[in-house]
């Protein structure tokens, strides 16, 4: 599928960005870098949604992960 890289990459970046924002708030630092990561990840997820003809559902994520693993082996 043409949107697998964007979907998996965007999801991972959003998760890492949310962890970074939470960590920054706990340590009383600026959460700017984590927020930028969340926004970049959301942009990748939006791009994947556009490439899929606006038909993405949460069930597409595991399928995309398995297709990428199969492609790399």
PDB file of N, CA and C in Angstrom:
ATOM      1  N   UNK A   1       0.828  -1.180   0.000  1.00  0.00           N
ATOM      2  CA  UNK A   1       0.000   0.000   0.000  1.00  0.00           C
ATOM      3  C   UNK A   1       0.877   1.248   0.000  1.00  0.00           C
ATOM      4  N   UNK A   2       0.400   2.294  -0.597  1.00  0.00           N
ATOM      5  CA  UNK A   2       1.240   3.493  -0.701  1.00  0.00           C
ATOM      6  C   UNK A   2       1.346   4.297   0.583  1.00  0.00           C
ATOM      7  N   UNK A   3       0.560   3.993   1.580  1.00  0.00           N
ATOM      8  CA  UNK A   3       0.544   4.809   2.798  1.00  0.00           C
ATOM      9  C   UNK A   3       1.106   4.098   4.017  1.00  0.00           C
ATOM     10  N   UNK A   4       1.708   2.938   3.858  1.00  0.00           N
ATOM     11  CA  UNK A   4       2.185   2.164   5.005  1.00  0.00           C
ATOM     12  C   UNK A   4       3.273   2.891   5.784  1.00  0.00           C
ATOM     13  N   UNK A   5       4.251   3.438   5.084  1.00  0.00           N
ATOM     14  CA  UNK A   5       5.348   4.127   5.769  1.00  0.00           C
ATOM     15  C   UNK A   5       4.843   5.334   6.551  1.00  0.00           C
ATOM     16  N   UNK A   6       3.951   6.109   5.956  1.00  0.00           N
ATOM     17  CA  UNK A   6       3.425   7.289   6.633  1.00  0.00           C
ATOM     18  C   UNK A   6       2.587   6.901   7.846  1.00  0.00           C
ATOM     19  N   UNK A   7       1.789   5.850   7.711  1.00  0.00           N
ATOM     20  CA  UNK A   7       0.913   5.439   8.802  1.00  0.00           C
ATOM     21  C   UNK A   7       1.712   4.924   9.993  1.00  0.00           C
ATOM     22  N   UNK A   8       2.655   4.035   9.749  1.00  0.00           N
ATOM     23  CA  UNK A   8       3.449   3.464  10.838  1.00  0.00           C
ATOM     24  C   UNK A   8       4.393   4.514  11.423  1.00  0.00           C
ATOM     25  N   UNK A   9       5.062   5.266  10.571  1.00  0.00           N
ATOM     26  CA  UNK A   9       5.978   6.301  11.046  1.00  0.00           C
ATOM     27  C   UNK A   9       5.259   7.382  11.835  1.00  0.00           C
ATOM     28  N   UNK A  10       4.119   7.832  11.339  1.00  0.00           N
ATOM     29  CA  UNK A  10       3.354   8.850  12.046  1.00  0.00           C
ATOM     30  C   UNK A  10       2.870   8.383  13.400  1.00  0.00           C
ATOM     31  N   UNK A  11       2.437   7.138  13.480  1.00  0.00           N
ATOM     32  CA  UNK A  11       1.990   6.595  14.758  1.00  0.00           C
ATOM     33  C   UNK A  11       3.135   6.531  15.761  1.00  0.00           C
ATOM     34  N   UNK A  12       4.291   6.053  15.313  1.00  0.00           N
ATOM     35  CA  UNK A  12       5.443   5.975  16.215  1.00  0.00           C
ATOM     36  C   UNK A  12       5.897   7.356  16.680  1.00  0.00           C
ATOM     37  N   UNK A  13       5.919   8.321  15.777  1.00  0.00           N
ATOM     38  CA  UNK A  13       6.350   9.671  16.143  1.00  0.00           C
ATOM     39  C   UNK A  13       5.364  10.316  17.115  1.00  0.00           C
ATOM     40  N   UNK A  14       4.062  10.095  16.915  1.00  0.00           N
ATOM     41  CA  UNK A  14       3.066  10.641  17.844  1.00  0.00           C
ATOM     42  C   UNK A  14       3.245  10.034  19.233  1.00  0.00           C
ATOM     43  N   UNK A  15       3.456   8.727  19.300  1.00  0.00           N
ATOM     44  CA  UNK A  15       3.627   8.072  20.597  1.00  0.00           C
ATOM     45  C   UNK A  15       4.880   8.598  21.301  1.00  0.00           C
ATOM     46  N   UNK A  16       5.992   8.686  20.577  1.00  0.00           N
ATOM     47  CA  UNK A  16       7.229   9.192  21.176  1.00  0.00           C
ATOM     48  C   UNK A  16       7.074  10.661  21.578  1.00  0.00           C
ATOM     49  N   UNK A  17       6.378  11.441  20.771  1.00  0.00           N
ATOM     50  CA  UNK A  17       6.143  12.842  21.112  1.00  0.00           C
ATOM     51  C   UNK A  17       5.291  13.007  22.355  1.00  0.00           C
ATOM     52  N   UNK A  18       4.266  12.161  22.507  1.00  0.00           N
ATOM     53  CA  UNK A  18       3.440  12.231  23.717  1.00  0.00           C
ATOM     54  C   UNK A  18       4.234  11.858  24.963  1.00  0.00           C
ATOM     55  N   UNK A  19       5.104  10.875  24.837  1.00  0.00           N
ATOM     56  CA  UNK A  19       5.965  10.513  25.964  1.00  0.00           C
ATOM     57  C   UNK A  19       6.903  11.678  26.297  1.00  0.00           C
ATOM     58  N   UNK A  20       7.444  12.335  25.270  1.00  0.00           N
ATOM     59  CA  UNK A  20       8.354  13.459  25.497  1.00  0.00           C
ATOM     60  C   UNK A  20       7.632  14.631  26.157  1.00  0.00           C
ATOM     61  N   UNK A  21       6.402  14.898  25.731  1.00  0.00           N
ATOM     62  CA  UNK A  21       5.625  15.990  26.352  1.00  0.00           C
ATOM     63  C   UNK A  21       5.343  15.670  27.812  1.00  0.00           C
ATOM     64  N   UNK A  22       4.934  14.442  28.084  1.00  0.00           N
ATOM     65  CA  UNK A  22       4.643  14.049  29.465  1.00  0.00           C
ATOM     66  C   UNK A  22       5.894  14.139  30.332  1.00  0.00           C
ATOM     67  N   UNK A  23       7.009  13.658  29.812  1.00  0.00           N
ATOM     68  CA  UNK A  23       8.265  13.721  30.559  1.00  0.00           C
ATOM     69  C   UNK A  23       8.680  15.160  30.826  1.00  0.00           C
ATOM     70  N   UNK A  24       8.530  16.025  29.834  1.00  0.00           N
ATOM     71  CA  UNK A  24       8.914  17.421  30.015  1.00  0.00           C
ATOM     72  C   UNK A  24       8.039  18.100  31.069  1.00  0.00           C
ATOM     73  N   UNK A  25       6.758  17.773  31.089  1.00  0.00           N
ATOM     74  CA  UNK A  25       5.888  18.400  32.079  1.00  0.00           C
ATOM     75  C   UNK A  25       6.190  17.881  33.483  1.00  0.00           C
ATOM     76  N   UNK A  26       6.540  16.612  33.605  1.00  0.00           N
ATOM     77  CA  UNK A  26       6.885  16.064  34.916  1.00  0.00           C
ATOM     78  C   UNK A  26       8.165  16.706  35.433  1.00  0.00           C
ATOM     79  N   UNK A  27       9.146  16.913  34.555  1.00  0.00           N
ATOM     80  CA  UNK A  27      10.418  17.506  34.952  1.00  0.00           C
ATOM     81  C   UNK A  27      10.407  19.030  34.894  1.00  0.00           C
ATOM     82  N   UNK A  28       9.257  19.610  34.636  1.00  0.00           N
ATOM     83  CA  UNK A  28       9.076  21.068  34.582  1.00  0.00           C
ATOM     84  C   UNK A  28      10.005  21.737  33.566  1.00  0.00           C
ATOM     85  N   UNK A  29      10.060  21.108  32.377  1.00  0.00           N
ATOM     86  CA  UNK A  29      10.810  21.682  31.256  1.00  0.00           C
ATOM     87  C   UNK A  29       9.811  22.114  30.187  1.00  0.00           C
ATOM     88  N   UNK A  30      10.318  22.748  29.167  1.00  0.00           N
ATOM     89  CA  UNK A  30       9.469  23.148  28.061  1.00  0.00           C
ATOM     90  C   UNK A  30       9.112  21.925  27.203  1.00  0.00           C
ATOM     91  N   UNK A  31       7.829  21.692  26.947  1.00  0.00           N
ATOM     92  CA  UNK A  31       7.429  20.533  26.145  1.00  0.00           C
ATOM     93  C   UNK A  31       7.434  20.808  24.641  1.00  0.00           C
ATOM     94  N   UNK A  32       8.188  21.813  24.211  1.00  0.00           N
ATOM     95  CA  UNK A  32       8.142  22.232  22.816  1.00  0.00           C
ATOM     96  C   UNK A  32       8.614  21.144  21.853  1.00  0.00           C
ATOM     97  N   UNK A  33       9.710  20.461  22.162  1.00  0.00           N
ATOM     98  CA  UNK A  33      10.218  19.442  21.236  1.00  0.00           C
ATOM     99  C   UNK A  33       9.234  18.281  21.113  1.00  0.00           C
ATOM    100  N   UNK A  34       8.615  17.876  22.214  1.00  0.00           N
ATOM    101  CA  UNK A  34       7.615  16.820  22.148  1.00  0.00           C
ATOM    102  C   UNK A  34       6.384  17.246  21.373  1.00  0.00           C
ATOM    103  N   UNK A  35       5.996  18.503  21.559  1.00  0.00           N
ATOM    104  CA  UNK A  35       4.846  19.025  20.837  1.00  0.00           C
ATOM    105  C   UNK A  35       5.112  19.063  19.332  1.00  0.00           C
ATOM    106  N   UNK A  36       6.319  19.440  18.951  1.00  0.00           N
ATOM    107  CA  UNK A  36       6.681  19.437  17.533  1.00  0.00           C
ATOM    108  C   UNK A  36       6.627  18.004  16.986  1.00  0.00           C
ATOM    109  N   UNK A  37       7.093  17.042  17.768  1.00  0.00           N
ATOM    110  CA  UNK A  37       7.019  15.646  17.352  1.00  0.00           C
ATOM    111  C   UNK A  37       5.586  15.178  17.155  1.00  0.00           C
ATOM    112  N   UNK A  38       4.704  15.564  18.071  1.00  0.00           N
ATOM    113  CA  UNK A  38       3.294  15.189  17.937  1.00  0.00           C
ATOM    114  C   UNK A  38       2.704  15.800  16.673  1.00  0.00           C
ATOM    115  N   UNK A  39       3.038  17.047  16.394  1.00  0.00           N
ATOM    116  CA  UNK A  39       2.506  17.709  15.201  1.00  0.00           C
ATOM    117  C   UNK A  39       3.043  17.085  13.910  1.00  0.00           C
ATOM    118  N   UNK A  40       4.323  16.716  13.895  1.00  0.00           N
ATOM    119  CA  UNK A  40       4.894  16.054  12.723  1.00  0.00           C
ATOM    120  C   UNK A  40       4.234  14.700  12.516  1.00  0.00           C
ATOM    121  N   UNK A  41       4.057  13.951  13.592  1.00  0.00           N
ATOM    122  CA  UNK A  41       3.386  12.658  13.494  1.00  0.00           C
ATOM    123  C   UNK A  41       1.949  12.792  13.020  1.00  0.00           C
ATOM    124  N   UNK A  42       1.250  13.807  13.515  1.00  0.00           N
ATOM    125  CA  UNK A  42      -0.123  14.032  13.067  1.00  0.00           C
ATOM    126  C   UNK A  42      -0.158  14.409  11.592  1.00  0.00           C
ATOM    127  N   UNK A  43       0.843  15.157  11.145  1.00  0.00           N
ATOM    128  CA  UNK A  43       0.931  15.485   9.729  1.00  0.00           C
ATOM    129  C   UNK A  43       1.142  14.243   8.872  1.00  0.00           C
ATOM    130  N   UNK A  44       2.002  13.333   9.329  1.00  0.00           N
ATOM    131  CA  UNK A  44       2.207  12.082   8.596  1.00  0.00           C
ATOM    132  C   UNK A  44       0.931  11.236   8.579  1.00  0.00           C
ATOM    133  N   UNK A  45       0.216  11.202   9.699  1.00  0.00           N
ATOM    134  CA  UNK A  45      -1.039  10.455   9.722  1.00  0.00           C
ATOM    135  C   UNK A  45      -2.078  11.091   8.788  1.00  0.00           C
ATOM    136  N   UNK A  46      -2.100  12.404   8.729  1.00  0.00           N
ATOM    137  CA  UNK A  46      -2.995  13.081   7.788  1.00  0.00           C
ATOM    138  C   UNK A  46      -2.636  12.793   6.345  1.00  0.00           C
ATOM    139  N   UNK A  47      -1.346  12.744   6.064  1.00  0.00           N
ATOM    140  CA  UNK A  47      -0.880  12.425   4.714  1.00  0.00           C
ATOM    141  C   UNK A  47      -1.284  10.996   4.345  1.00  0.00           C
ATOM    142  N   UNK A  48      -1.134  10.072   5.279  1.00  0.00           N
ATOM    143  CA  UNK A  48      -1.539   8.688   5.034  1.00  0.00           C
ATOM    144  C   UNK A  48      -3.041   8.604   4.788  1.00  0.00           C
ATOM    145  N   UNK A  49      -3.805   9.396   5.524  1.00  0.00           N
ATOM    146  CA  UNK A  49      -5.255   9.399   5.341  1.00  0.00           C
ATOM    147  C   UNK A  49      -5.633   9.904   3.949  1.00  0.00           C
ATOM    148  N   UNK A  50      -4.936  10.926   3.473  1.00  0.00           N
ATOM    149  CA  UNK A  50      -5.202  11.448   2.130  1.00  0.00           C
ATOM    150  C   UNK A  50      -4.798  10.424   1.075  1.00  0.00           C
ATOM    151  N   UNK A  51      -3.647   9.766   1.259  1.00  0.00           N
ATOM    152  CA  UNK A  51      -3.193   8.768   0.282  1.00  0.00           C
ATOM    153  C   UNK A  51      -4.121   7.557   0.215  1.00  0.00           C
ATOM    154  N   UNK A  52      -4.818   7.261   1.296  1.00  0.00           N
ATOM    155  CA  UNK A  52      -5.700   6.091   1.319  1.00  0.00           C
ATOM    156  C   UNK A  52      -7.103   6.426   0.822  1.00  0.00           C
ATOM    157  N   UNK A  53      -7.269   7.547   0.194  1.00  0.00           N
ATOM    158  CA  UNK A  53      -8.580   8.023  -0.268  1.00  0.00           C
ATOM    159  C   UNK A  53      -9.551   8.196   0.886  1.00  0.00           C
ATOM    160  N   UNK A  54      -9.042   8.628   2.008  1.00  0.00           N
ATOM    161  CA  UNK A  54      -9.808   8.980   3.204  1.00  0.00           C
ATOM    162  C   UNK A  54     -10.626   7.799   3.721  1.00  0.00           C
ATOM    163  N   UNK A  55      -9.992   6.623   3.715  1.00  0.00           N
ATOM    164  CA  UNK A  55     -10.711   5.431   4.167  1.00  0.00           C
ATOM    165  C   UNK A  55      -9.948   4.665   5.242  1.00  0.00           C
ATOM    166  N   UNK A  56      -9.061   5.334   5.974  1.00  0.00           N
ATOM    167  CA  UNK A  56      -8.289   4.651   7.013  1.00  0.00           C
ATOM    168  C   UNK A  56      -9.150   4.375   8.238  1.00  0.00           C
ATOM    169  N   UNK A  57      -8.938   3.218   8.820  1.00  0.00           N
ATOM    170  CA  UNK A  57      -9.558   2.861  10.090  1.00  0.00           C
ATOM    171  C   UNK A  57      -8.448   2.342  11.004  1.00  0.00           C
ATOM    172  N   UNK A  58      -8.704   2.213  12.295  1.00  0.00           N
ATOM    173  CA  UNK A  58      -7.658   1.701  13.192  1.00  0.00           C
ATOM    174  C   UNK A  58      -7.183   0.286  12.828  1.00  0.00           C
ATOM    175  N   UNK A  59      -7.990  -0.477  12.123  1.00  0.00           N
ATOM    176  CA  UNK A  59      -7.594  -1.826  11.734  1.00  0.00           C
ATOM    177  C   UNK A  59      -6.509  -1.835  10.668  1.00  0.00           C
ATOM    178  N   UNK A  60      -6.280  -0.728   9.998  1.00  0.00           N
ATOM    179  CA  UNK A  60      -5.248  -0.670   8.963  1.00  0.00           C
ATOM    180  C   UNK A  60      -3.836  -0.623   9.544  1.00  0.00           C
ATOM    181  N   UNK A  61      -3.677  -0.168  10.777  1.00  0.00           N
ATOM    182  CA  UNK A  61      -2.343  -0.036  11.363  1.00  0.00           C
ATOM    183  C   UNK A  61      -1.627  -1.378  11.531  1.00  0.00           C
ATOM    184  N   UNK A  62      -2.231  -2.396  12.153  1.00  0.00           N
ATOM    185  CA  UNK A  62      -1.505  -3.669  12.258  1.00  0.00           C
ATOM    186  C   UNK A  62      -1.205  -4.286  10.899  1.00  0.00           C
ATOM    187  N   UNK A  63      -2.121  -4.120   9.954  1.00  0.00           N
ATOM    188  CA  UNK A  63      -1.897  -4.654   8.617  1.00  0.00           C
ATOM    189  C   UNK A  63      -0.712  -3.962   7.956  1.00  0.00           C
ATOM    190  N   UNK A  64      -0.607  -2.652   8.151  1.00  0.00           N
ATOM    191  CA  UNK A  64       0.516  -1.907   7.578  1.00  0.00           C
ATOM    192  C   UNK A  64       1.836  -2.325   8.213  1.00  0.00           C
ATOM    193  N   UNK A  65       1.831  -2.565   9.525  1.00  0.00           N
ATOM    194  CA  UNK A  65       3.048  -3.013  10.215  1.00  0.00           C
ATOM    195  C   UNK A  65       3.494  -4.354   9.652  1.00  0.00           C
ATOM    196  N   UNK A  66       2.572  -5.272   9.501  1.00  0.00           N
ATOM    197  CA  UNK A  66       2.930  -6.604   8.979  1.00  0.00           C
ATOM    198  C   UNK A  66       3.392  -6.535   7.519  1.00  0.00           C
ATOM    199  N   UNK A  67       2.784  -5.665   6.720  1.00  0.00           N
ATOM    200  CA  UNK A  67       3.257  -5.506   5.332  1.00  0.00           C
ATOM    201  C   UNK A  67       4.672  -4.953   5.287  1.00  0.00           C
ATOM    202  N   UNK A  68       4.988  -4.012   6.171  1.00  0.00           N
ATOM    203  CA  UNK A  68       6.344  -3.460   6.205  1.00  0.00           C
ATOM    204  C   UNK A  68       7.349  -4.502   6.676  1.00  0.00           C
ATOM    205  N   UNK A  69       6.988  -5.293   7.670  1.00  0.00           N
ATOM    206  CA  UNK A  69       7.891  -6.354   8.127  1.00  0.00           C
ATOM    207  C   UNK A  69       8.114  -7.365   7.002  1.00  0.00           C
ATOM    208  N   UNK A  70       7.065  -7.724   6.291  1.00  0.00           N
ATOM    209  CA  UNK A  70       7.202  -8.673   5.191  1.00  0.00           C
ATOM    210  C   UNK A  70       8.050  -8.101   4.066  1.00  0.00           C
ATOM    211  N   UNK A  71       7.953  -6.809   3.848  1.00  0.00           N
ATOM    212  CA  UNK A  71       8.732  -6.172   2.787  1.00  0.00           C
ATOM    213  C   UNK A  71      10.209  -6.121   3.126  1.00  0.00           C
ATOM    214  N   UNK A  72      10.561  -5.975   4.399  1.00  0.00           N
ATOM    215  CA  UNK A  72      11.946  -5.851   4.814  1.00  0.00           C
ATOM    216  C   UNK A  72      12.657  -7.193   4.952  1.00  0.00           C
ATOM    217  N   UNK A  73      11.911  -8.300   4.993  1.00  0.00           N
ATOM    218  CA  UNK A  73      12.568  -9.604   5.151  1.00  0.00           C
ATOM    219  C   UNK A  73      12.830 -10.244   3.824  1.00  0.00           C
TER     220      UNK A  73
END
